[in-house]
Every structure is written in C-alpha cells, then in structure tokens.
Amino acid sequence: MEDPTQQEEQASAEVRERVRDSFERQGLMAHLGARVTRIGPGRVHIELPHRPEVTQQHGYFHAGATSAVADSAGGYAALTLFPEHTEVLTVEYKINLLAPAVGSRIEAIGTVLKSGRTLTVCRLEVFGVQDDGERKLVANGQQTLIRVDRPEA
C-alpha cells in the first residue's frame, strides 16, 4: 500500500526545531525509543521500533505504548500551529484499538482537525508498518488539547 503522506509539506525550520527540542525533553518518548519522523503544519509523525520492552504478553505493541505515541503525535501536530511563546497540554483523548499492533514499527500520525485560540482537536492514527512498507491501521482516536503560555524560566 502506497503511503499517501510522502508528499507532505514541511513546517518551517523554526517550528521543526521547536518541536524537536520539546520532543527531546520527553523522558517517556526517549524511554520507549520513539522518534519524530515528519513535522508539517498541523501534522506530525512519530515512529516506535518494535522491541520487547514495548510489547505485551503476546508480542504485540502494548496499548500503552501505542497510546503514548499517538498522544504525542497529536500534541506536536497542535504545537506546529501555536505561537512561539506557547506550549500544549492534552485535555483528553480517546483511542480505539482496531487490530493487534504488529510490524517492525508503529507509526503514529497526529493531524489537527480544528485549531482554536484555546482548544485544538486532533485526529490520531496509528499504523503497524512491516519492513516491506506494508501498512495497517491498528488504532485511531481523537484528542483535545489546550494551548498554554510557556512558563518563565
């Protein structure tokens, strides 16, 4: 299956740097081994390689790991549209686990559906990706985020 996201627009260099700097401060994402692979206006992709530490008892990606990368992808998608002096926090999200998450990696894609002054709503999708590039939707959801002023250092 061809990946229709291959031709996505990239966010500005400043936005990409802000997202990557923030992502690098996330202890959980580092612990899981996740990495940001694409940053576009209102859209972020995060990949998580398969390894025993992120699986459940049957060898599938654990729902907690799947949900965590989906949450972060949506949060960073929202952040790409926020002013520089602001940050993002998740207010709520719901995720549906559609199929066992299998593959050499999972890819979470957060896409902004509506960006507001205070609240932003994102679509969350997670795909199981095989080494040959075959992709299967394994989870989807929706998320609400709040924009907050960056705390003074």
Protein backbone atom coordinates (compact mmCIF):
# COMPACT_ATOMS: atom_id res chain seq x y z
CA MET A 1 0.00 0.00 0.00
CA GLU A 2 1.49 3.35 -1.01
CA ASP A 3 1.88 5.91 1.75
CA PRO A 4 -0.14 8.98 0.67
CA THR A 5 1.74 11.17 3.17
CA GLN A 6 5.04 11.01 1.27
CA GLN A 7 4.47 14.40 -0.39
CA GLU A 8 3.52 16.34 2.76
CA GLU A 9 4.50 19.96 3.24
CA GLN A 10 7.19 20.57 5.87
CA ALA A 11 6.81 23.05 8.71
CA SER A 12 9.23 25.98 8.84
CA ALA A 13 12.73 25.33 10.15
CA GLU A 14 11.89 27.26 13.35
CA VAL A 15 8.79 25.17 14.03
CA ARG A 16 10.63 21.91 13.30
CA GLU A 17 13.39 22.92 15.73
CA ARG A 18 10.86 23.87 18.45
CA VAL A 19 9.05 20.54 18.08
CA ARG A 20 12.28 18.51 18.08
CA ASP A 21 13.65 20.41 21.12
CA SER A 22 10.43 19.78 23.04
CA PHE A 23 10.28 16.12 21.97
CA GLU A 24 13.86 15.56 23.18
CA ARG A 25 12.77 16.72 26.67
CA GLN A 26 10.12 13.98 26.89
CA GLY A 27 11.51 11.24 29.09
CA LEU A 28 8.81 8.74 28.16
CA MET A 29 9.39 9.06 24.42
CA ALA A 30 13.15 8.57 24.96
CA HIS A 31 12.47 5.61 27.24
CA LEU A 32 10.23 3.99 24.64
CA GLY A 33 12.69 4.66 21.81
CA ALA A 34 10.26 6.79 19.78
CA ARG A 35 11.41 9.35 17.23
CA VAL A 36 9.79 12.16 15.27
CA THR A 37 10.00 11.42 11.55
CA ARG A 38 7.92 14.20 9.94
CA ILE A 39 6.81 17.65 11.00
CA GLY A 40 4.34 19.51 8.83
CA PRO A 41 1.91 22.33 9.56
CA GLY A 42 -0.75 20.66 11.70
CA ARG A 43 0.64 17.15 11.17
CA VAL A 44 3.36 15.15 12.96
CA HIS A 45 4.55 11.55 12.56
CA ILE A 46 6.23 9.58 15.35
CA GLU A 47 7.69 6.10 14.87
CA LEU A 48 8.31 3.48 17.52
CA PRO A 49 10.51 0.49 16.60
CA HIS A 50 9.43 -2.97 17.72
CA ARG A 51 11.41 -4.32 20.64
CA PRO A 52 10.49 -6.50 23.62
CA GLU A 53 10.30 -3.55 26.04
CA VAL A 54 7.28 -2.03 24.23
CA THR A 55 5.26 -5.23 23.80
CA GLN A 56 2.61 -7.01 25.80
CA GLN A 57 2.49 -10.71 26.68
CA HIS A 58 1.56 -11.86 23.14
CA GLY A 59 4.34 -9.89 21.44
CA TYR A 60 2.10 -7.14 20.05
CA PHE A 61 2.90 -3.49 20.71
CA HIS A 62 1.44 -2.66 24.12
CA ALA A 63 -1.67 -0.46 24.10
CA GLY A 64 0.09 1.93 26.50
CA ALA A 65 2.99 2.43 24.09
CA THR A 66 0.60 2.75 21.15
CA SER A 67 -1.50 5.33 23.01
CA ALA A 68 1.54 7.27 24.23
CA VAL A 69 3.00 7.83 20.76
CA ALA A 70 -0.46 8.71 19.41
CA ASP A 71 -0.93 11.29 22.19
CA SER A 72 2.47 12.85 21.49
CA ALA A 73 1.90 12.94 17.72
CA GLY A 74 -1.34 14.85 18.21
CA GLY A 75 0.19 17.20 20.75
CA TYR A 76 3.07 18.09 18.48
CA ALA A 77 0.76 18.48 15.49
CA ALA A 78 -1.12 21.09 17.51
CA LEU A 79 2.12 22.76 18.62
CA THR A 80 3.12 23.34 14.98
CA LEU A 81 0.24 25.82 14.70
CA PHE A 82 0.74 27.60 18.04
CA PRO A 83 2.67 30.85 18.58
CA GLU A 84 6.30 30.51 19.68
CA HIS A 85 5.75 31.53 23.32
CA THR A 86 3.13 28.80 23.94
CA GLU A 87 3.07 25.11 24.84
CA VAL A 88 0.49 22.35 24.56
CA LEU A 89 -1.15 20.04 27.09
CA THR A 90 -3.57 17.18 26.44
CA VAL A 91 -7.03 17.75 27.91
CA GLU A 92 -8.43 14.37 26.85
CA TYR A 93 -8.12 11.69 24.22
CA LYS A 94 -9.93 8.56 23.19
CA ILE A 95 -8.30 5.78 21.25
CA ASN A 96 -9.82 2.74 19.57
CA LEU A 97 -7.53 -0.27 19.22
CA LEU A 98 -8.67 -1.72 15.89
CA ALA A 99 -6.26 -4.63 15.43
CA PRO A 100 -3.23 -6.13 17.15
CA ALA A 101 -0.34 -3.70 16.61
CA VAL A 102 2.26 -5.75 14.75
CA GLY A 103 5.15 -4.86 12.49
CA SER A 104 8.75 -3.79 12.62
CA ARG A 105 7.48 -0.44 13.92
CA ILE A 106 4.34 1.54 14.55
CA GLU A 107 3.80 5.00 13.12
CA ALA A 108 1.54 7.45 14.92
CA ILE A 109 0.18 10.38 12.92
CA GLY A 110 -1.43 13.36 14.62
CA THR A 111 -3.46 15.68 12.39
CA VAL A 112 -5.11 18.92 13.50
CA LEU A 113 -8.80 18.97 12.67
CA LYS A 114 -9.56 22.36 14.28
CA SER A 115 -7.09 24.76 15.86
CA GLY A 116 -8.65 27.37 18.13
CA ARG A 117 -7.39 30.14 20.39
CA THR A 118 -7.59 27.87 23.44
CA LEU A 119 -8.60 24.35 22.41
CA THR A 120 -7.42 22.27 19.46
CA VAL A 121 -8.86 18.97 18.24
CA CYS A 122 -6.70 16.34 16.51
CA ARG A 123 -7.23 13.06 14.73
CA LEU A 124 -4.92 10.27 15.88
CA GLU A 125 -3.96 7.33 13.67
CA VAL A 126 -1.51 4.52 14.39
CA PHE A 127 -0.28 2.14 11.72
CA GLY A 128 1.60 -1.11 12.06
CA VAL A 129 4.38 -0.97 9.46
CA GLN A 130 6.21 -4.01 8.08
CA ASP A 131 9.80 -3.97 6.77
CA ASP A 132 8.45 -4.14 3.19
CA GLY A 133 6.43 -0.96 3.78
CA GLU A 134 3.03 -2.63 4.15
CA ARG A 135 0.88 -0.53 6.49
CA LYS A 136 -2.20 -1.45 8.50
CA LEU A 137 -4.31 0.90 10.61
CA VAL A 138 -4.19 -0.55 14.14
CA ALA A 139 -5.62 2.34 16.19
CA ASN A 140 -7.42 5.62 15.72
CA GLY A 141 -8.75 8.27 18.01
CA GLN A 142 -9.44 11.90 18.73
CA GLN A 143 -7.78 14.31 21.10
CA THR A 144 -8.46 17.71 22.63
CA LEU A 145 -5.51 19.89 23.59
CA ILE A 146 -5.15 23.23 25.35
CA ARG A 147 -2.71 25.97 24.46
CA VAL A 148 -0.89 27.43 27.47
CA ASP A 149 1.72 30.14 27.86
CA ARG A 150 5.26 28.81 28.21
CA PRO A 151 6.36 29.06 31.86
CA GLU A 152 9.04 31.64 32.61
CA ALA A 153 12.45 30.05 33.14
